[in-house]
PDB file of N, CA and C in Angstrom:
ATOM      1  N   UNK A   1       1.199 -14.619   8.468  1.00  0.00           N
ATOM      2  CA  UNK A   1       0.779 -16.226   8.551  1.00  0.00           C
ATOM      3  C   UNK A   1       0.124 -16.409   7.830  1.00  0.00           C
ATOM      4  N   UNK A   2      -1.511 -15.464   7.366  1.00  0.00           N
ATOM      5  CA  UNK A   2      -2.289 -16.147   7.176  1.00  0.00           C
ATOM      6  C   UNK A   2      -1.745 -16.575   5.400  1.00  0.00           C
ATOM      7  N   UNK A   3      -1.489 -15.644   5.182  1.00  0.00           N
ATOM      8  CA  UNK A   3      -0.511 -15.723   3.680  1.00  0.00           C
ATOM      9  C   UNK A   3      -0.243 -16.885   3.051  1.00  0.00           C
ATOM     10  N   UNK A   4       0.921 -17.166   4.276  1.00  0.00           N
ATOM     11  CA  UNK A   4       1.437 -18.425   4.221  1.00  0.00           C
ATOM     12  C   UNK A   4       0.277 -19.682   4.015  1.00  0.00           C
ATOM     13  N   UNK A   5      -0.201 -19.810   4.790  1.00  0.00           N
ATOM     14  CA  UNK A   5      -1.694 -20.993   4.970  1.00  0.00           C
ATOM     15  C   UNK A   5      -2.204 -20.705   3.815  1.00  0.00           C
ATOM     16  N   UNK A   6      -2.604 -19.768   2.952  1.00  0.00           N
ATOM     17  CA  UNK A   6      -3.322 -19.811   1.994  1.00  0.00           C
ATOM     18  C   UNK A   6      -2.367 -20.062   0.709  1.00  0.00           C
ATOM     19  N   UNK A   7      -1.118 -19.697   0.823  1.00  0.00           N
ATOM     20  CA  UNK A   7      -0.018 -20.415  -0.144  1.00  0.00           C
ATOM     21  C   UNK A   7      -0.292 -21.433   0.040  1.00  0.00           C
ATOM     22  N   UNK A   8      -0.399 -22.557   0.578  1.00  0.00           N
ATOM     23  CA  UNK A   8       0.028 -23.853   1.398  1.00  0.00           C
ATOM     24  C   UNK A   8      -1.329 -24.621   0.843  1.00  0.00           C
ATOM     25  N   UNK A   9      -2.503 -23.693   1.192  1.00  0.00           N
ATOM     26  CA  UNK A   9      -3.164 -24.810   0.521  1.00  0.00           C
ATOM     27  C   UNK A   9      -3.339 -24.538  -0.644  1.00  0.00           C
ATOM     28  N   UNK A  10      -3.638 -23.517  -1.418  1.00  0.00           N
ATOM     29  CA  UNK A  10      -3.131 -23.128  -2.581  1.00  0.00           C
ATOM     30  C   UNK A  10      -2.253 -24.435  -3.619  1.00  0.00           C
ATOM     31  N   UNK A  11      -0.936 -24.555  -3.027  1.00  0.00           N
ATOM     32  CA  UNK A  11      -0.399 -25.515  -3.296  1.00  0.00           C
ATOM     33  C   UNK A  11      -0.796 -27.088  -3.185  1.00  0.00           C
ATOM     34  N   UNK A  12      -1.610 -27.354  -2.266  1.00  0.00           N
ATOM     35  CA  UNK A  12      -1.989 -28.755  -2.419  1.00  0.00           C
ATOM     36  C   UNK A  12      -2.964 -28.499  -3.708  1.00  0.00           C
ATOM     37  N   UNK A  13      -3.688 -27.698  -3.785  1.00  0.00           N
ATOM     38  CA  UNK A  13      -4.885 -27.363  -4.836  1.00  0.00           C
ATOM     39  C   UNK A  13      -4.476 -27.765  -6.044  1.00  0.00           C
ATOM     40  N   UNK A  14      -3.724 -27.114  -6.547  1.00  0.00           N
ATOM     41  CA  UNK A  14      -2.887 -26.223  -7.946  1.00  0.00           C
ATOM     42  C   UNK A  14      -1.472 -25.744  -7.809  1.00  0.00           C
ATOM     43  N   UNK A  15      -0.598 -26.933  -7.447  1.00  0.00           N
ATOM     44  CA  UNK A  15       0.610 -26.545  -7.152  1.00  0.00           C
ATOM     45  C   UNK A  15       1.478 -25.843  -8.334  1.00  0.00           C
ATOM     46  N   UNK A  16       1.036 -26.113  -9.637  1.00  0.00           N
ATOM     47  CA  UNK A  16       1.636 -25.085 -10.574  1.00  0.00           C
ATOM     48  C   UNK A  16       1.222 -23.858 -10.519  1.00  0.00           C
ATOM     49  N   UNK A  17      -0.193 -23.261 -10.320  1.00  0.00           N
ATOM     50  CA  UNK A  17      -0.423 -21.788  -9.877  1.00  0.00           C
ATOM     51  C   UNK A  17       0.291 -21.273  -8.547  1.00  0.00           C
ATOM     52  N   UNK A  18       0.579 -22.122  -7.411  1.00  0.00           N
ATOM     53  CA  UNK A  18       1.376 -21.567  -6.566  1.00  0.00           C
ATOM     54  C   UNK A  18       2.795 -21.277  -6.712  1.00  0.00           C
ATOM     55  N   UNK A  19       3.244 -22.064  -7.445  1.00  0.00           N
ATOM     56  CA  UNK A  19       4.946 -21.737  -7.614  1.00  0.00           C
ATOM     57  C   UNK A  19       4.502 -20.810  -8.864  1.00  0.00           C
ATOM     58  N   UNK A  20       3.763 -20.541  -9.413  1.00  0.00           N
ATOM     59  CA  UNK A  20       3.748 -19.208 -10.445  1.00  0.00           C
ATOM     60  C   UNK A  20       3.356 -17.833  -9.629  1.00  0.00           C
ATOM     61  N   UNK A  21       2.541 -18.109  -8.925  1.00  0.00           N
ATOM     62  CA  UNK A  21       2.365 -16.894  -8.039  1.00  0.00           C
ATOM     63  C   UNK A  21       3.832 -16.469  -6.922  1.00  0.00           C
ATOM     64  N   UNK A  22       4.207 -17.561  -6.499  1.00  0.00           N
ATOM     65  CA  UNK A  22       5.521 -17.592  -5.742  1.00  0.00           C
ATOM     66  C   UNK A  22       6.771 -16.805  -6.184  1.00  0.00           C
ATOM     67  N   UNK A  23       6.565 -17.427  -7.980  1.00  0.00           N
ATOM     68  CA  UNK A  23       7.865 -16.656  -8.833  1.00  0.00           C
ATOM     69  C   UNK A  23       7.525 -15.096  -9.251  1.00  0.00           C
ATOM     70  N   UNK A  24       6.378 -15.205  -9.396  1.00  0.00           N
ATOM     71  CA  UNK A  24       5.880 -13.518  -9.986  1.00  0.00           C
ATOM     72  C   UNK A  24       5.291 -12.514  -8.999  1.00  0.00           C
ATOM     73  N   UNK A  25       5.320 -12.938  -7.964  1.00  0.00           N
ATOM     74  CA  UNK A  25       4.880 -11.922  -6.594  1.00  0.00           C
ATOM     75  C   UNK A  25       5.962 -10.795  -6.559  1.00  0.00           C
ATOM     76  N   UNK A  26       7.218 -11.335  -6.382  1.00  0.00           N
ATOM     77  CA  UNK A  26       8.617 -10.188  -6.125  1.00  0.00           C
ATOM     78  C   UNK A  26       8.259  -9.709  -7.376  1.00  0.00           C
ATOM     79  N   UNK A  27       8.087  -9.764  -8.685  1.00  0.00           N
ATOM     80  CA  UNK A  27       7.931  -8.927 -10.046  1.00  0.00           C
ATOM     81  C   UNK A  27       6.834  -7.848  -9.959  1.00  0.00           C
ATOM     82  N   UNK A  28       5.518  -8.406  -9.569  1.00  0.00           N
ATOM     83  CA  UNK A  28       4.608  -7.520  -9.723  1.00  0.00           C
ATOM     84  C   UNK A  28       4.597  -6.378  -8.269  1.00  0.00           C
ATOM     85  N   UNK A  29       5.480  -7.097  -7.053  1.00  0.00           N
ATOM     86  CA  UNK A  29       5.531  -5.791  -6.167  1.00  0.00           C
ATOM     87  C   UNK A  29       6.599  -4.698  -6.447  1.00  0.00           C
ATOM     88  N   UNK A  30       7.335  -5.474  -7.136  1.00  0.00           N
ATOM     89  CA  UNK A  30       8.538  -4.126  -7.814  1.00  0.00           C
ATOM     90  C   UNK A  30       7.779  -3.334  -8.923  1.00  0.00           C
ATOM     91  N   UNK A  31       7.064  -3.871  -9.214  1.00  0.00           N
ATOM     92  CA  UNK A  31       5.999  -3.410 -10.683  1.00  0.00           C
ATOM     93  C   UNK A  31       5.350  -1.955 -10.005  1.00  0.00           C
ATOM     94  N   UNK A  32       4.755  -2.520  -8.650  1.00  0.00           N
ATOM     95  CA  UNK A  32       3.947  -1.771  -8.210  1.00  0.00           C
ATOM     96  C   UNK A  32       4.165  -0.602  -6.979  1.00  0.00           C
ATOM     97  N   UNK A  33       5.839  -0.661  -7.168  1.00  0.00           N
ATOM     98  CA  UNK A  33       6.066   0.125  -5.945  1.00  0.00           C
ATOM     99  C   UNK A  33       6.021   1.726  -6.548  1.00  0.00           C
ATOM    100  N   UNK A  34       6.616   1.784  -7.618  1.00  0.00           N
ATOM    101  CA  UNK A  34       6.341   3.472  -8.048  1.00  0.00           C
ATOM    102  C   UNK A  34       4.966   4.231  -7.803  1.00  0.00           C
ATOM    103  N   UNK A  35       4.114   3.546  -7.934  1.00  0.00           N
ATOM    104  CA  UNK A  35       2.367   3.669  -7.508  1.00  0.00           C
ATOM    105  C   UNK A  35       2.241   4.009  -5.634  1.00  0.00           C
ATOM    106  N   UNK A  36       3.078   3.265  -5.232  1.00  0.00           N
ATOM    107  CA  UNK A  36       2.904   3.356  -4.027  1.00  0.00           C
ATOM    108  C   UNK A  36       3.529   4.702  -3.613  1.00  0.00           C
ATOM    109  N   UNK A  37       4.879   4.663  -3.909  1.00  0.00           N
ATOM    110  CA  UNK A  37       5.357   6.341  -3.792  1.00  0.00           C
ATOM    111  C   UNK A  37       4.540   7.456  -4.413  1.00  0.00           C
ATOM    112  N   UNK A  38       3.844   6.958  -5.543  1.00  0.00           N
ATOM    113  CA  UNK A  38       3.590   8.187  -5.847  1.00  0.00           C
ATOM    114  C   UNK A  38       2.139   8.618  -4.840  1.00  0.00           C
ATOM    115  N   UNK A  39       1.405   7.070  -4.414  1.00  0.00           N
ATOM    116  CA  UNK A  39       0.747   7.524  -3.065  1.00  0.00           C
ATOM    117  C   UNK A  39       0.954   8.421  -2.405  1.00  0.00           C
ATOM    118  N   UNK A  40       2.154   8.310  -1.388  1.00  0.00           N
ATOM    119  CA  UNK A  40       2.653   8.615  -0.165  1.00  0.00           C
ATOM    120  C   UNK A  40       2.813   9.917  -0.555  1.00  0.00           C
ATOM    121  N   UNK A  41       3.374  10.184  -1.528  1.00  0.00           N
ATOM    122  CA  UNK A  41       3.549  11.625  -1.921  1.00  0.00           C
ATOM    123  C   UNK A  41       2.289  12.631  -2.002  1.00  0.00           C
ATOM    124  N   UNK A  42       1.375  12.141  -2.719  1.00  0.00           N
ATOM    125  CA  UNK A  42      -0.069  12.518  -2.922  1.00  0.00           C
ATOM    126  C   UNK A  42      -0.742  13.094  -1.939  1.00  0.00           C
ATOM    127  N   UNK A  43      -0.693  12.171  -0.697  1.00  0.00           N
ATOM    128  CA  UNK A  43      -1.380  11.996   0.340  1.00  0.00           C
ATOM    129  C   UNK A  43      -0.356  13.097   1.270  1.00  0.00           C
ATOM    130  N   UNK A  44       0.780  12.914   1.112  1.00  0.00           N
ATOM    131  CA  UNK A  44       1.768  14.139   1.899  1.00  0.00           C
ATOM    132  C   UNK A  44       1.249  15.476   1.487  1.00  0.00           C
ATOM    133  N   UNK A  45       1.095  15.663  -0.008  1.00  0.00           N
ATOM    134  CA  UNK A  45       0.809  16.955  -0.532  1.00  0.00           C
ATOM    135  C   UNK A  45      -0.740  17.182   0.391  1.00  0.00           C
ATOM    136  N   UNK A  46      -1.653  16.347   0.174  1.00  0.00           N
ATOM    137  CA  UNK A  46      -2.975  16.864   0.715  1.00  0.00           C
ATOM    138  C   UNK A  46      -2.865  17.010   1.716  1.00  0.00           C
ATOM    139  N   UNK A  47      -2.239  16.124   2.922  1.00  0.00           N
ATOM    140  CA  UNK A  47      -2.191  16.910   4.241  1.00  0.00           C
ATOM    141  C   UNK A  47      -1.552  18.070   4.431  1.00  0.00           C
ATOM    142  N   UNK A  48      -0.652  18.433   3.534  1.00  0.00           N
ATOM    143  CA  UNK A  48      -0.071  20.049   3.522  1.00  0.00           C
ATOM    144  C   UNK A  48      -1.210  20.693   3.465  1.00  0.00           C
ATOM    145  N   UNK A  49      -2.100  20.567   2.491  1.00  0.00           N
ATOM    146  CA  UNK A  49      -3.105  21.607   1.690  1.00  0.00           C
ATOM    147  C   UNK A  49      -3.756  21.782   2.959  1.00  0.00           C
ATOM    148  N   UNK A  50      -4.497  20.176   3.498  1.00  0.00           N
ATOM    149  CA  UNK A  50      -5.658  20.770   4.691  1.00  0.00           C
ATOM    150  C   UNK A  50      -4.740  21.294   5.682  1.00  0.00           C
ATOM    151  N   UNK A  51      -3.504  21.161   6.063  1.00  0.00           N
ATOM    152  CA  UNK A  51      -3.102  21.708   7.150  1.00  0.00           C
ATOM    153  C   UNK A  51      -2.777  23.591   6.789  1.00  0.00           C
ATOM    154  N   UNK A  52      -2.799  23.759   6.100  1.00  0.00           N
ATOM    155  CA  UNK A  52      -2.932  25.142   5.069  1.00  0.00           C
ATOM    156  C   UNK A  52      -4.111  25.778   5.701  1.00  0.00           C
ATOM    157  N   UNK A  53      -5.195  24.864   5.071  1.00  0.00           N
ATOM    158  CA  UNK A  53      -6.691  25.464   5.148  1.00  0.00           C
ATOM    159  C   UNK A  53      -6.632  25.698   6.225  1.00  0.00           C
ATOM    160  N   UNK A  54      -6.486  24.465   7.213  1.00  0.00           N
ATOM    161  CA  UNK A  54      -7.102  24.404   8.171  1.00  0.00           C
ATOM    162  C   UNK A  54      -6.488  25.434   9.575  1.00  0.00           C
ATOM    163  N   UNK A  55      -5.225  26.182   9.036  1.00  0.00           N
ATOM    164  CA  UNK A  55      -4.543  26.461  10.003  1.00  0.00           C
ATOM    165  C   UNK A  55      -5.148  28.068  11.052  1.00  0.00           C
ATOM    166  N   UNK A  56      -6.045  29.051  10.394  1.00  0.00           N
ATOM    167  CA  UNK A  56      -6.678  29.905  10.481  1.00  0.00           C
ATOM    168  C   UNK A  56      -7.577  29.687  11.826  1.00  0.00           C
ATOM    169  N   UNK A  57      -8.416  28.511  11.520  1.00  0.00           N
ATOM    170  CA  UNK A  57      -9.234  27.867  12.623  1.00  0.00           C
ATOM    171  C   UNK A  57      -8.527  27.529  13.889  1.00  0.00           C
ATOM    172  N   UNK A  58      -7.083  26.677  13.423  1.00  0.00           N
ATOM    173  CA  UNK A  58      -6.483  26.137  14.657  1.00  0.00           C
ATOM    174  C   UNK A  58      -6.408  27.641  15.686  1.00  0.00           C
ATOM    175  N   UNK A  59      -5.456  28.432  15.166  1.00  0.00           N
ATOM    176  CA  UNK A  59      -5.072  29.755  15.601  1.00  0.00           C
ATOM    177  C   UNK A  59      -6.356  30.194  16.498  1.00  0.00           C
ATOM    178  N   UNK A  60      -7.590  30.503  15.337  1.00  0.00           N
ATOM    179  CA  UNK A  60      -8.253  31.266  16.443  1.00  0.00           C
ATOM    180  C   UNK A  60      -9.136  30.406  17.680  1.00  0.00           C
ATOM    181  N   UNK A  61      -8.555  28.970  17.303  1.00  0.00           N
ATOM    182  CA  UNK A  61      -9.315  28.048  18.533  1.00  0.00           C
ATOM    183  C   UNK A  61      -8.122  27.941  19.372  1.00  0.00           C
ATOM    184  N   UNK A  62      -6.980  28.602  19.721  1.00  0.00           N
ATOM    185  CA  UNK A  62      -5.741  28.636  20.447  1.00  0.00           C
ATOM    186  C   UNK A  62      -5.999  29.775  21.067  1.00  0.00           C
ATOM    187  N   UNK A  63      -6.719  30.952  20.703  1.00  0.00           N
ATOM    188  CA  UNK A  63      -7.083  32.119  21.250  1.00  0.00           C
ATOM    189  C   UNK A  63      -8.066  32.013  22.563  1.00  0.00           C
TER     190      UNK A  63
END
């Protein structure tokens, strides 16, 4: 909702910029999508490494 209100304010102040933002937003979102997927994969890999490293401590704590 806040994004829409900010866009409305931008539309009142400078409508060509608001229309350009409206058209370019999906294109930018599609261009950034692979970087998000890589970030998710790297985050998962780091979580896995952390779980492997801390596994002996968890086992010892459970005993």
